[in-house]
Protein backbone atom coordinates (compact mmCIF):
# COMPACT_ATOMS: atom_id res chain seq x y z
CA UNK A 1 41.78 6.20 30.48
CA UNK A 2 42.62 4.71 26.97
CA UNK A 3 39.55 3.54 26.43
CA UNK A 4 38.16 6.95 27.25
CA UNK A 5 40.51 8.47 24.72
CA UNK A 6 38.88 6.14 22.07
CA UNK A 7 35.68 6.96 23.15
CA UNK A 8 36.46 10.84 22.81
CA UNK A 9 38.32 10.35 19.61
CA UNK A 10 35.19 8.65 17.96
CA UNK A 11 32.83 11.44 19.18
CA UNK A 12 35.50 13.91 17.62
CA UNK A 13 35.21 11.83 14.67
CA UNK A 14 31.29 12.37 14.19
CA UNK A 15 30.45 8.90 15.09
CA UNK A 16 26.67 8.22 14.26
CA UNK A 17 26.38 4.74 16.05
CA UNK A 18 28.31 2.77 18.67
CA UNK A 19 27.55 -0.93 19.43
CA UNK A 20 29.16 -3.59 21.05
CA UNK A 21 29.49 -6.39 23.63
CA UNK A 22 31.28 -5.42 26.93
CA UNK A 23 34.48 -7.69 27.52
CA UNK A 24 37.79 -6.73 29.15
CA UNK A 25 39.95 -4.66 28.37
CA UNK A 26 37.31 -2.67 25.79
CA UNK A 27 34.15 -2.21 28.10
CA UNK A 28 34.73 1.42 29.24
CA UNK A 29 34.74 2.55 25.54
CA UNK A 30 30.92 2.44 25.40
CA UNK A 31 30.61 3.51 29.03
CA UNK A 32 32.47 6.75 28.38
CA UNK A 33 30.51 7.64 25.53
CA UNK A 34 27.52 7.14 27.70
CA UNK A 35 28.76 9.52 30.12
CA UNK A 36 29.49 12.14 27.83
CA UNK A 37 27.34 14.39 25.84
CA UNK A 38 26.33 12.29 22.73
CA UNK A 39 23.13 13.62 21.20
CA UNK A 40 22.18 12.30 17.96
CA UNK A 41 24.48 9.21 18.63
CA UNK A 42 22.75 5.75 18.88
CA UNK A 43 24.62 3.52 21.80
CA UNK A 44 23.91 0.07 22.53
CA UNK A 45 25.11 -3.01 24.33
CA UNK A 46 24.15 -5.50 21.81
CA UNK A 47 23.05 -9.05 22.57
CA UNK A 48 26.65 -10.25 21.41
CA UNK A 49 29.43 -9.25 19.03
CA UNK A 50 27.78 -10.71 15.97
CA UNK A 51 24.44 -8.56 16.51
CA UNK A 52 26.81 -5.55 17.05
CA UNK A 53 28.64 -5.86 13.96
CA UNK A 54 25.69 -6.34 11.87
CA UNK A 55 23.97 -3.24 13.41
CA UNK A 56 26.88 -1.10 12.58
CA UNK A 57 27.31 -2.54 9.24
CA UNK A 58 23.95 -1.49 7.81
CA UNK A 59 24.22 1.94 9.42
CA UNK A 60 27.66 2.16 7.61
CA UNK A 61 25.93 1.17 4.53
CA UNK A 62 23.79 4.12 4.80
CA UNK A 63 26.69 6.62 5.17
CA UNK A 64 26.71 6.93 8.76
CA UNK A 65 30.03 6.56 10.92
CA UNK A 66 30.15 3.46 13.16
CA UNK A 67 32.04 2.00 15.79
CA UNK A 68 31.84 -1.49 16.91
CA UNK A 69 33.55 -2.51 20.36
CA UNK A 70 34.80 -5.97 21.62
CA UNK A 71 37.51 -7.89 23.12
CA UNK A 72 39.69 -10.22 20.85
CA UNK A 73 37.84 -13.26 21.68
CA UNK A 74 34.94 -11.35 20.87
CA UNK A 75 36.01 -10.90 17.31
CA UNK A 76 35.71 -14.85 16.74
CA UNK A 77 31.75 -14.24 17.52
CA UNK A 78 31.77 -11.42 14.98
CA UNK A 79 33.86 -13.20 12.48
CA UNK A 80 31.25 -14.49 10.17
CA UNK A 81 29.78 -10.95 9.29
CA UNK A 82 33.13 -9.22 9.25
CA UNK A 83 34.58 -11.73 6.72
CA UNK A 84 31.60 -10.85 4.36
CA UNK A 85 31.79 -7.06 5.22
CA UNK A 86 35.28 -7.26 4.09
CA UNK A 87 34.24 -8.18 0.36
CA UNK A 88 31.03 -6.00 0.41
CA UNK A 89 32.57 -3.04 1.91
CA UNK A 90 30.84 0.17 3.46
CA UNK A 91 30.03 3.65 2.49
CA UNK A 92 30.36 5.33 5.94
CA UNK A 93 33.50 4.76 8.13
CA UNK A 94 33.30 1.92 10.03
CA UNK A 95 35.95 1.18 12.98
CA UNK A 96 35.79 -2.25 14.82
CA UNK A 97 37.80 -2.12 18.07
CA UNK A 98 39.16 -5.34 19.00
CA UNK A 99 41.08 -5.19 22.24
CA UNK A 100 44.09 -7.60 22.67
CA UNK A 101 44.78 -8.92 25.81
CA UNK A 102 48.66 -10.08 26.32
CA UNK A 103 49.27 -12.23 29.29
CA UNK A 104 46.38 -12.91 29.07
CA UNK A 105 44.95 -11.20 31.93
CA UNK A 106 41.45 -11.53 31.80
CA UNK A 107 40.87 -13.90 28.72
CA UNK A 108 40.85 -17.14 27.22
CA UNK A 109 43.57 -16.72 24.76
CA UNK A 110 46.49 -14.38 23.46
CA UNK A 111 44.71 -13.96 20.41
CA UNK A 112 46.40 -11.51 17.82
CA UNK A 113 43.97 -9.02 16.02
CA UNK A 114 46.79 -8.24 13.53
CA UNK A 115 46.43 -11.94 12.13
CA UNK A 116 42.66 -11.20 11.90
CA UNK A 117 43.28 -8.22 9.83
CA UNK A 118 45.62 -10.06 7.58
CA UNK A 119 43.23 -12.96 7.17
CA UNK A 120 40.21 -10.38 6.33
CA UNK A 121 42.42 -8.16 4.28
CA UNK A 122 41.31 -5.07 6.02
CA UNK A 123 43.72 -2.60 7.34
CA UNK A 124 44.54 -2.49 11.21
CA UNK A 125 45.74 0.37 13.41
CA UNK A 126 47.84 -0.39 16.57
CA UNK A 127 47.88 2.58 19.07
CA UNK A 128 50.76 3.04 21.40
CA UNK A 129 49.31 5.45 24.27
CA UNK A 130 46.00 6.90 25.07
CA UNK A 131 47.03 10.27 23.28
CA UNK A 132 47.76 8.26 20.10
CA UNK A 133 44.55 6.31 20.20
CA UNK A 134 42.58 9.57 20.72
CA UNK A 135 43.94 10.80 17.32
CA UNK A 136 44.77 7.55 15.28
CA UNK A 137 40.80 6.29 15.81
CA UNK A 138 39.99 9.63 13.98
CA UNK A 139 42.23 8.57 11.19
CA UNK A 140 40.79 5.22 11.23
CA UNK A 141 37.23 6.59 10.43
CA UNK A 142 39.07 8.69 7.65
CA UNK A 143 40.75 5.65 6.09
CA UNK A 144 37.70 3.52 6.21
CA UNK A 145 35.79 6.12 4.22
CA UNK A 146 38.56 6.74 1.90
CA UNK A 147 38.84 2.96 1.01
CA UNK A 148 35.32 2.13 1.73
CA UNK A 149 36.11 -0.64 3.81
CA UNK A 150 35.81 -1.63 7.70
CA UNK A 151 39.16 -1.27 9.48
CA UNK A 152 40.21 -2.91 12.67
CA UNK A 153 41.43 -0.83 15.71
CA UNK A 154 43.76 -2.83 18.17
CA UNK A 155 44.54 -1.37 21.37
CA UNK A 156 46.19 -3.72 23.85
CA UNK A 157 45.15 -3.86 27.73
CA UNK A 158 47.96 -1.52 28.74
CA UNK A 159 46.81 0.93 26.25
CA UNK A 160 43.26 0.67 27.23
CA UNK A 161 43.76 0.90 31.01
CA UNK A 162 46.59 3.56 31.00
CA UNK A 163 45.81 7.29 31.89
CA UNK A 164 46.93 10.27 30.14
CA UNK A 165 45.63 13.54 29.49
CA UNK A 166 43.88 14.70 26.09
CA UNK A 167 44.23 18.08 25.57
CA UNK A 168 41.25 19.96 24.42
CA UNK A 169 39.11 17.08 23.20
CA UNK A 170 36.38 18.05 20.89
CA UNK A 171 32.92 16.63 19.97
CA UNK A 172 31.81 17.72 16.50
CA UNK A 173 28.53 16.06 16.56
CA UNK A 174 27.51 13.16 14.67
CA UNK A 175 28.35 13.35 10.84
CA UNK A 176 25.73 14.14 8.28
CA UNK A 177 25.01 11.20 5.97
CA UNK A 178 22.98 10.79 3.21
CA UNK A 179 21.25 7.65 3.89
CA UNK A 180 21.07 4.19 2.14
CA UNK A 181 20.87 3.69 -1.82
CA UNK A 182 19.44 0.55 -2.78
CA UNK A 183 21.71 -1.43 -5.16
CA UNK A 184 21.55 -5.22 -4.96
CA UNK A 185 24.51 -5.54 -7.18
CA UNK A 186 26.58 -3.69 -4.18
CA UNK A 187 25.16 -4.86 -1.04
CA UNK A 188 23.69 -8.27 -1.46
CA UNK A 189 26.90 -10.72 -1.36
CA UNK A 190 26.79 -13.37 -4.34
CA UNK A 191 29.81 -15.69 -5.36
CA UNK A 192 30.22 -13.44 -8.58
CA UNK A 193 30.47 -10.46 -6.45
CA UNK A 194 32.83 -11.79 -4.05
CA UNK A 195 35.20 -12.99 -6.69
CA UNK A 196 35.29 -9.40 -8.30
CA UNK A 197 35.74 -7.89 -4.89
CA UNK A 198 38.38 -10.11 -3.78
CA UNK A 199 40.52 -9.09 -6.87
CA UNK A 200 39.73 -5.37 -6.09
CA UNK A 201 40.63 -5.71 -2.39
CA UNK A 202 44.02 -7.24 -3.27
CA UNK A 203 44.82 -4.38 -5.60
CA UNK A 204 43.37 -1.90 -3.12
CA UNK A 205 45.61 -3.18 -0.31
CA UNK A 206 48.66 -2.44 -2.16
CA UNK A 207 47.47 1.14 -2.49
CA UNK A 208 46.67 1.19 1.01
CA UNK A 209 50.30 -0.01 1.93
CA UNK A 210 51.51 2.81 -0.08
CA UNK A 211 49.29 5.26 1.71
CA UNK A 212 50.40 4.06 5.23
CA UNK A 213 54.15 4.72 4.22
CA UNK A 214 53.58 8.07 4.54
CA UNK A 215 51.17 7.90 7.56
CA UNK A 216 52.53 10.11 10.41
CA UNK A 217 52.25 7.38 13.23
CA UNK A 218 54.63 5.25 11.26
CA UNK A 219 57.83 6.75 11.99
CA UNK A 220 61.50 6.52 12.89
CA UNK A 221 63.56 7.97 15.80
CA UNK A 222 67.17 7.75 16.82
CA UNK A 223 70.53 7.51 15.21
CA UNK A 224 71.70 5.94 12.08
CA UNK A 225 73.45 2.92 13.73
CA UNK A 226 73.68 -0.48 12.02
CA UNK A 227 71.41 -1.80 14.69
CA UNK A 228 67.78 -0.98 14.80
CA UNK A 229 64.61 -1.93 16.72
CA UNK A 230 61.21 -2.22 15.32
CA UNK A 231 58.03 -2.11 17.47
CA UNK A 232 54.43 -1.29 17.95
CA UNK A 233 51.83 -0.65 20.46
CA UNK A 234 52.80 -0.42 24.22
CA UNK A 235 56.09 -2.25 23.33
CA UNK A 236 56.96 0.92 21.44
CA UNK A 237 56.69 2.87 24.93
CA UNK A 238 58.85 0.42 26.87
CA UNK A 239 61.51 0.48 23.93
CA UNK A 240 61.39 4.14 23.92
CA UNK A 241 62.03 4.72 27.44
CA UNK A 242 64.94 2.61 27.57
CA UNK A 243 66.49 3.94 24.35
CA UNK A 244 66.45 7.34 25.43
CA UNK A 245 69.90 6.87 26.89
CA UNK A 246 70.89 5.10 23.44
CA UNK A 247 70.02 7.92 20.92
CA UNK A 248 72.36 6.48 18.29
CA UNK A 249 69.84 3.39 17.84
CA UNK A 250 67.25 3.68 15.34
CA UNK A 251 63.85 3.03 16.69
CA UNK A 252 61.27 2.17 13.93
CA UNK A 253 57.39 2.32 15.09
CA UNK A 254 55.14 0.42 13.18
CA UNK A 255 51.42 1.80 13.62
CA UNK A 256 49.81 -0.14 10.91
CA UNK A 257 50.78 -3.69 10.60
CA UNK A 258 48.67 -4.44 7.82
CA UNK A 259 48.38 -3.73 5.07
CA UNK A 260 52.29 -3.41 5.21
CA UNK A 261 53.98 -0.01 4.38
CA UNK A 262 56.65 -1.35 2.31
CA UNK A 263 58.13 1.69 1.14
CA UNK A 264 58.30 3.26 4.79
CA UNK A 265 59.89 0.11 5.99
CA UNK A 266 62.69 -0.23 3.04
CA UNK A 267 63.67 3.58 3.77
CA UNK A 268 63.55 2.90 7.56
CA UNK A 269 65.82 -0.29 7.02
CA UNK A 270 68.41 1.41 4.97
CA UNK A 271 72.03 0.69 6.51
CA UNK A 272 70.54 -1.69 9.03
CA UNK A 273 72.16 -4.79 9.64
CA UNK A 274 70.78 -6.31 12.70
CA UNK A 275 67.00 -5.82 13.49
CA UNK A 276 65.24 -6.73 16.69
CA UNK A 277 61.61 -7.00 16.65
CA UNK A 278 60.10 -6.25 19.74
CA UNK A 279 56.41 -7.10 20.15
CA UNK A 280 53.67 -8.96 22.00
CA UNK A 281 51.50 -11.95 21.05
CA UNK A 282 52.46 -13.46 17.76
CA UNK A 283 55.50 -12.74 15.85
CA UNK A 284 53.55 -10.93 13.26
CA UNK A 285 55.89 -8.07 12.40
CA UNK A 286 58.88 -10.26 12.75
CA UNK A 287 57.41 -12.53 10.13
CA UNK A 288 56.44 -9.76 7.65
CA UNK A 289 60.06 -8.09 8.04
CA UNK A 290 61.57 -11.59 7.09
CA UNK A 291 59.27 -11.81 3.99
CA UNK A 292 60.17 -8.01 3.05
CA UNK A 293 64.00 -9.05 3.48
CA UNK A 294 63.75 -12.13 1.34
CA UNK A 295 61.59 -10.54 -1.29
CA UNK A 296 64.30 -7.34 -1.59
CA UNK A 297 67.33 -9.51 -0.87
CA UNK A 298 68.26 -7.55 2.10
CA UNK A 299 71.43 -8.18 4.24
CA UNK A 300 69.65 -7.98 7.69
CA UNK A 301 69.77 -10.31 10.61
CA UNK A 302 66.26 -10.47 11.93
CA UNK A 303 65.70 -11.46 15.58
CA UNK A 304 62.75 -11.53 17.78
CA UNK A 305 60.44 -14.14 19.07
CA UNK A 306 61.23 -16.95 16.22
CA UNK A 307 64.99 -17.11 17.60
CA UNK A 308 64.01 -16.72 21.30
CA UNK A 309 65.39 -13.30 21.66
CA UNK A 310 61.82 -12.14 22.68
CA UNK A 311 59.63 -14.58 24.81
CA UNK A 312 57.00 -16.35 22.56
CA UNK A 313 54.14 -15.67 25.05
CA UNK A 314 52.97 -13.19 27.85
CA UNK A 315 52.98 -9.64 27.92
CA UNK A 316 56.03 -7.20 27.63
CA UNK A 317 56.88 -4.89 30.65
CA UNK A 318 59.51 -1.98 30.71
CA UNK A 319 61.80 -4.13 32.73
CA UNK A 320 61.37 -6.89 30.31
CA UNK A 321 61.92 -5.15 27.28
CA UNK A 322 64.71 -3.16 28.94
CA UNK A 323 66.56 -6.66 29.40
CA UNK A 324 65.79 -7.64 25.80
CA UNK A 325 67.31 -4.58 24.49
CA UNK A 326 70.26 -4.81 26.88
CA UNK A 327 71.19 -8.28 25.37
CA UNK A 328 70.68 -6.93 22.04
CA UNK A 329 72.89 -3.75 22.64
CA UNK A 330 75.39 -5.56 24.59
CA UNK A 331 74.93 -3.26 27.30
CA UNK A 332 74.45 -3.95 31.11
CA UNK A 333 71.11 -5.26 32.41
CA UNK A 334 68.91 -2.70 34.02
CA UNK A 335 71.41 -0.08 33.05
CA UNK A 336 69.02 2.96 34.02
CA UNK A 337 68.51 1.75 37.49
CA UNK A 338 65.39 -0.31 36.93
CA UNK A 339 66.27 -3.40 39.13
CA UNK A 340 63.67 -4.31 41.61
CA UNK A 341 65.41 -7.08 43.15
CA UNK A 342 65.07 -5.25 46.29
CA UNK A 343 61.38 -4.83 46.19
CA UNK A 344 59.32 -7.27 48.27
CA UNK A 345 57.49 -9.87 46.37
CA UNK A 346 54.03 -9.15 45.55
CA UNK A 347 51.21 -11.02 47.73
CA UNK A 348 49.56 -14.01 45.88
CA UNK A 349 46.18 -12.91 45.16
CA UNK A 350 44.14 -15.68 43.38
CA UNK A 351 40.77 -14.78 41.84
CA UNK A 352 37.78 -15.82 44.21
CA UNK A 353 34.03 -15.34 44.17
CA UNK A 354 33.25 -12.41 46.35
CA UNK A 355 31.98 -12.95 49.94
CA UNK A 356 28.06 -13.48 49.81
CA UNK A 357 28.29 -14.34 45.94
CA UNK A 358 25.12 -15.95 45.20
CA UNK A 359 27.04 -18.01 42.49
CA UNK A 360 28.82 -19.90 45.55
CA UNK A 361 25.41 -20.93 47.17
CA UNK A 362 24.31 -22.16 43.71
CA UNK A 363 27.30 -24.11 42.98
CA UNK A 364 27.36 -25.51 46.61
CA UNK A 365 23.72 -26.81 46.43
CA UNK A 366 24.52 -28.60 43.14
CA UNK A 367 27.46 -30.08 44.79
CA UNK A 368 25.34 -31.21 47.78
CA UNK A 369 22.58 -32.54 45.74
CA UNK A 370 25.10 -34.55 43.52
CA UNK A 371 27.05 -36.05 46.05
CA UNK A 372 27.87 -39.66 45.92
CA UNK A 373 26.62 -39.34 42.26
CA UNK A 374 28.25 -39.33 38.82
CA UNK A 375 28.15 -35.72 37.37
CA UNK A 376 29.65 -33.56 34.80
CA UNK A 377 29.69 -29.77 35.43
CA UNK A 378 30.31 -27.71 32.38
CA UNK A 379 31.23 -24.12 33.12
CA UNK A 380 31.02 -20.69 31.04
CA UNK A 381 32.77 -17.59 30.89
CA UNK A 382 31.71 -15.06 33.50
CA UNK A 383 32.52 -14.62 37.33
CA UNK A 384 30.90 -18.18 37.97
CA UNK A 385 33.84 -19.81 36.08
CA UNK A 386 35.74 -19.18 39.59
CA UNK A 387 33.61 -22.07 40.84
CA UNK A 388 36.45 -24.31 39.78
CA UNK A 389 38.59 -23.23 42.60
CA UNK A 390 38.77 -25.33 45.71
CA UNK A 391 36.97 -26.09 47.92
CA UNK A 392 33.91 -25.87 45.60
CA UNK A 393 35.67 -27.56 42.61
CA UNK A 394 32.61 -27.28 40.35
CA UNK A 395 33.81 -26.60 36.99
CA UNK A 396 34.98 -29.42 34.92
CA UNK A 397 35.04 -27.78 31.61
CA UNK A 398 35.19 -23.96 30.33
CA UNK A 399 35.86 -23.51 26.89
CA UNK A 400 33.89 -20.21 25.45
CA UNK A 401 30.86 -18.30 25.97
CA UNK A 402 27.86 -20.44 25.62
CA UNK A 403 29.87 -23.78 25.51
CA UNK A 404 28.94 -25.11 28.63
CA UNK A 405 25.22 -25.70 27.53
CA UNK A 406 26.19 -27.68 24.56
CA UNK A 407 29.23 -29.41 25.98
CA UNK A 408 26.84 -30.93 28.76
CA UNK A 409 24.97 -32.33 25.91
CA UNK A 410 27.88 -34.17 24.39
CA UNK A 411 28.69 -35.59 27.75
CA UNK A 412 25.36 -36.95 27.98
CA UNK A 413 25.69 -38.53 24.51
CA UNK A 414 28.81 -40.65 25.42
CA UNK A 415 27.85 -41.32 29.14
CA UNK A 416 24.11 -41.70 29.78
CA UNK A 417 24.88 -42.65 33.34
CA UNK A 418 26.22 -39.43 34.53
CA UNK A 419 23.90 -36.31 35.24
CA UNK A 420 25.07 -33.58 33.01
CA UNK A 421 24.91 -29.87 34.17
CA UNK A 422 25.50 -26.89 32.21
CA UNK A 423 25.99 -23.47 33.87
CA UNK A 424 25.60 -20.19 32.24
CA UNK A 425 25.07 -16.49 33.71
CA UNK A 426 21.86 -14.50 32.64
CA UNK A 427 24.18 -12.14 30.51
CA UNK A 428 25.89 -15.01 28.53
CA UNK A 429 22.35 -16.92 28.21
CA UNK A 430 21.21 -13.99 26.06
CA UNK A 431 24.65 -13.71 24.26
CA UNK A 432 25.18 -17.22 23.21
CA UNK A 433 22.94 -19.55 25.52
CA UNK A 434 19.81 -19.74 23.92
CA UNK A 435 21.30 -21.51 20.55
CA UNK A 436 22.33 -24.20 22.81
CA UNK A 437 19.15 -24.89 24.85
CA UNK A 438 17.35 -24.99 21.23
CA UNK A 439 20.02 -27.57 20.32
CA UNK A 440 19.17 -29.71 23.48
CA UNK A 441 15.47 -29.46 23.16
CA UNK A 442 15.59 -30.38 19.21
CA UNK A 443 17.89 -33.61 20.12
CA UNK A 444 16.33 -34.73 23.04
CA UNK A 445 19.35 -34.33 25.14
CA UNK A 446 19.23 -35.24 28.79
CA UNK A 447 20.82 -32.21 30.97
CA UNK A 448 20.23 -29.76 33.53
CA UNK A 449 20.49 -26.23 32.64
CA UNK A 450 21.66 -24.05 35.56
CA UNK A 451 21.19 -20.23 34.96
CA UNK A 452 23.11 -18.31 37.49
CA UNK A 453 20.90 -15.09 37.19
CA UNK A 454 22.26 -12.11 39.27
CA UNK A 455 20.84 -9.42 37.25
CA UNK A 456 23.79 -8.13 35.77
CA UNK A 457 27.14 -8.54 33.45
CA UNK A 458 28.99 -8.85 36.70
CA UNK A 459 32.45 -9.68 35.14
CA UNK A 460 32.86 -6.74 32.87
CA UNK A 461 31.64 -4.19 35.13
CA UNK A 462 27.97 -4.59 35.70
CA UNK A 463 26.42 -3.51 32.12
CA UNK A 464 22.95 -3.87 31.53
CA UNK A 465 21.64 -6.65 29.27
CA UNK A 466 18.25 -7.89 28.15
CA UNK A 467 16.84 -9.08 31.19
CA UNK A 468 17.34 -5.93 32.95
CA UNK A 469 14.68 -3.57 31.45
CA UNK A 470 17.13 -0.60 30.83
CA UNK A 471 19.44 0.12 27.55
CA UNK A 472 22.37 2.32 27.02
CA UNK A 473 20.29 4.99 25.39
CA UNK A 474 18.78 5.36 29.17
CA UNK A 475 15.42 4.05 27.90
CA UNK A 476 13.16 1.62 30.24
CA UNK A 477 12.33 -1.18 28.14
CA UNK A 478 10.35 -4.36 28.48
CA UNK A 479 12.60 -7.07 30.30
CA UNK A 480 13.16 -10.38 28.49
CA UNK A 481 12.05 -13.15 30.76
CA UNK A 482 14.47 -15.94 30.73
CA UNK A 483 11.74 -18.23 32.16
CA UNK A 484 9.66 -17.47 29.33
CA UNK A 485 12.25 -18.00 26.64
CA UNK A 486 12.92 -21.43 27.85
CA UNK A 487 9.38 -22.02 28.04
CA UNK A 488 8.95 -21.13 24.33
CA UNK A 489 11.93 -23.02 23.29
CA UNK A 490 10.36 -25.89 24.62
CA UNK A 491 11.78 -26.57 28.19
CA UNK A 492 8.90 -28.11 30.41
CA UNK A 493 10.62 -28.22 33.64
CA UNK A 494 11.58 -25.07 34.95
CA UNK A 495 12.37 -23.95 38.43
CA UNK A 496 13.36 -20.69 39.84
CA UNK A 497 14.98 -20.64 43.16
CA UNK A 498 16.78 -18.43 45.52
CA UNK A 499 20.16 -20.25 45.71
CA UNK A 500 20.74 -18.38 49.38
CA UNK A 501 18.08 -20.81 50.42
CA UNK A 502 20.26 -23.99 50.69
CA UNK A 503 17.50 -26.52 51.37
CA UNK A 504 15.04 -25.24 48.43
CA UNK A 505 18.02 -25.11 45.99
CA UNK A 506 19.24 -28.60 46.85
CA UNK A 507 15.66 -29.97 46.72
CA UNK A 508 15.19 -28.33 43.27
CA UNK A 509 18.30 -29.86 41.88
CA UNK A 510 17.38 -33.36 43.15
CA UNK A 511 13.84 -33.04 41.64
CA UNK A 512 15.37 -32.21 38.27
CA UNK A 513 17.78 -34.94 38.43
CA UNK A 514 14.90 -37.58 38.38
CA UNK A 515 13.20 -36.34 35.15
CA UNK A 516 14.28 -37.16 31.46
CA UNK A 517 15.07 -34.38 29.15
CA UNK A 518 16.13 -30.95 29.38
CA UNK A 519 15.27 -29.33 32.70
CA UNK A 520 15.99 -25.71 33.77
CA UNK A 521 17.17 -24.35 37.25
CA UNK A 522 16.95 -20.47 37.28
CA UNK A 523 19.09 -19.51 40.47
CA UNK A 524 18.02 -15.90 40.94
CA UNK A 525 19.84 -13.69 43.50
CA UNK A 526 21.15 -10.18 42.69
CA UNK A 527 25.04 -9.62 42.44
CA UNK A 528 26.04 -8.41 45.99
CA UNK A 529 28.43 -5.45 44.13
CA UNK A 530 25.14 -4.19 42.95
CA UNK A 531 22.88 -5.03 45.80
CA UNK A 532 24.43 -4.14 49.14
CA UNK A 533 22.82 -6.06 52.08
CA UNK A 534 23.03 -4.44 55.60
CA UNK A 535 23.64 -7.53 57.65
CA UNK A 536 26.51 -9.34 59.14
CA UNK A 537 26.61 -12.92 60.20
CA UNK A 538 28.30 -13.61 63.45
CA UNK A 539 29.72 -16.81 65.36
CA UNK A 540 28.52 -17.57 68.82
CA UNK A 541 30.43 -19.65 71.51
CA UNK A 542 28.60 -22.66 70.37
CA UNK A 543 31.08 -22.95 67.70
CA UNK A 544 33.04 -26.31 67.89
CA UNK A 545 35.98 -24.95 65.59
CA UNK A 546 35.28 -27.73 63.09
CA UNK A 547 36.00 -25.21 60.54
CA UNK A 548 33.30 -27.06 57.84
CA UNK A 549 32.13 -23.41 56.86
CA UNK A 550 35.55 -22.86 55.53
CA UNK A 551 36.29 -26.30 54.17
CA UNK A 552 32.90 -26.35 52.28
CA UNK A 553 32.35 -23.01 50.62
CA UNK A 554 35.55 -21.17 50.76
CA UNK A 555 34.10 -17.71 51.24
CA UNK A 556 36.70 -15.09 51.90
CA UNK A 557 34.98 -13.79 54.74
CA UNK A 558 35.32 -16.92 56.87
CA UNK A 559 38.82 -16.95 58.35
CA UNK A 560 40.96 -18.24 61.30
CA UNK A 561 42.46 -15.97 63.88
CA UNK A 562 44.81 -17.86 66.31
CA UNK A 563 43.43 -21.24 65.06
CA UNK A 564 39.83 -19.95 65.83
CA UNK A 565 37.21 -19.50 63.14
CA UNK A 566 36.15 -15.74 62.67
CA UNK A 567 34.24 -13.86 60.30
CA UNK A 568 35.80 -10.65 58.58
CA UNK A 569 33.02 -8.27 59.20
CA UNK A 570 34.59 -5.99 56.55
CA UNK A 571 33.85 -8.64 53.99
CA UNK A 572 30.78 -10.34 55.33
CA UNK A 573 27.52 -9.59 53.58
CA UNK A 574 25.17 -11.45 55.78
CA UNK A 575 24.16 -13.90 53.01
CA UNK A 576 23.55 -16.61 55.60
CA UNK A 577 24.91 -19.47 53.53
CA UNK A 578 27.55 -20.44 56.35
CA UNK A 579 24.78 -20.24 58.92
CA UNK A 580 22.71 -23.10 56.79
CA UNK A 581 25.77 -25.38 56.77
CA UNK A 582 27.07 -25.13 60.16
CA UNK A 583 26.44 -28.52 62.14
CA UNK A 584 26.04 -27.14 65.74
CA UNK A 585 24.06 -23.71 64.33
CA UNK A 586 26.79 -21.32 65.72
CA UNK A 587 26.44 -18.97 63.19
CA UNK A 588 23.66 -16.30 62.91
CA UNK A 589 23.26 -13.06 62.19
CA UNK A 590 20.87 -9.58 62.38
CA UNK A 591 19.64 -10.15 58.69
CA UNK A 592 19.94 -13.08 56.34
CA UNK A 593 19.44 -11.57 52.92
CA UNK A 594 17.23 -14.22 51.01
CA UNK A 595 18.63 -17.16 53.15
CA UNK A 596 17.34 -18.88 55.99
CA UNK A 597 17.57 -17.23 59.50
CA UNK A 598 19.11 -18.86 62.58
């Protein structure tokens, strides 16, 4: 896997410390390192991206090679330390892996890390395949140490999740380092230091751009025609696939978008009259080329996203790039038999909470308790975002991690009549939720915090978090108790309830809704993907086929066959929620995990 290649490349580079926060499409990097021999390498899932960045920074100050992993929106969380770190610099190589998600497939935004590199004035590497990622991340460590700067490494989803064979991967063991040398003029950021370092950075980046002009992954293929294509990342693979039948066309691969390797590009663009920029996310390369063309008065027509030749949003595919290049070259579309018109349409598979998911029961309990009352339901990032789907319809807002808690407070201040709920998962509570709770207590807000505690980081692959009692070094550690944290913050009303006990859950919500101030309900039940129940629910002959079970909770295990309500035993986990809402008690089971029996 591409993420695995990045992990093995880091081990080959002698990485000493790896920290990160799980986020698709980057999560498997840390997990791969944990599965391979990594003696002497400290490995951790940090509480959030900011913490991960700061842990890695101090280790790099001491000369260690460090890697930080996250997805593109996680880079926003880590932006504060990264921007200052760009000015302060590092001693050991420090690589920040920020995996972009064109589409977006599993993210809030189509954020472009190349823009962030430009903004922070630090180099960025853009691999186009797992094989390239394995070698390129080793180069990234070397460049970081050479120029004493953190560098960004920007794989995209299709590189992270592609598969390839890596020949003879090596593990050279952790790099030796001499440790931290105290020097407050170097490591303590002050305005005067920042001013001097900013000037140094701008001069240094010119030097890095010249260095990148001879970097092996910036290359030119094909012929010497007047038409050329410039591309990067996975789009290079798509373009190369199509252009293998058009070897006369010049194909330019840009692996380091910032600092721009001007000398390389000027040489690559000699004799070119028309240039097509094929890239995902923002028109970053296109804009840089336009600046270069203007700066050197080159007679080149530049096309891409800005003139509509390449879509402005979404991810590229081999077929899409084939169409784009066909139009650019004036050849027949799908000239190499890529036409998929005869293929059947893919089935519609909207995301849905798993059968037996305790989050469904939590949302349903709140919905029942608030029936007929004005309420605001502020969601968050995680599996429970899917609570927005019908028939639950229990997520009114979802902005970013931790925002549900603070947004609930905003609704309270503009509408004192509505009951305001902030939903957050257990992992997200630790990552970015605690600050919002402090804010609510400090400002005397009136809200109900609902912590959906399923004892894992479910959405990104069941990584551990501070509430689990285990870390990535294989150590058993003290669990951080969410209830005790809330009590320490100053939340006086804290109720823990099993969401699969519907009556108790509804009663807890109703009780909290009567009280002023900040209240918290911890809906605690393990994720069914890691706690496999054995029971199944069954429908008896008492069923009147009213379909209330289907209409109310939308469990994928509840289906109709020939118009009759049926339970798909391949999906049912026996959670018992449906049995508790059936008006004629027609649903039962041999076991009811955590819920009422019937």
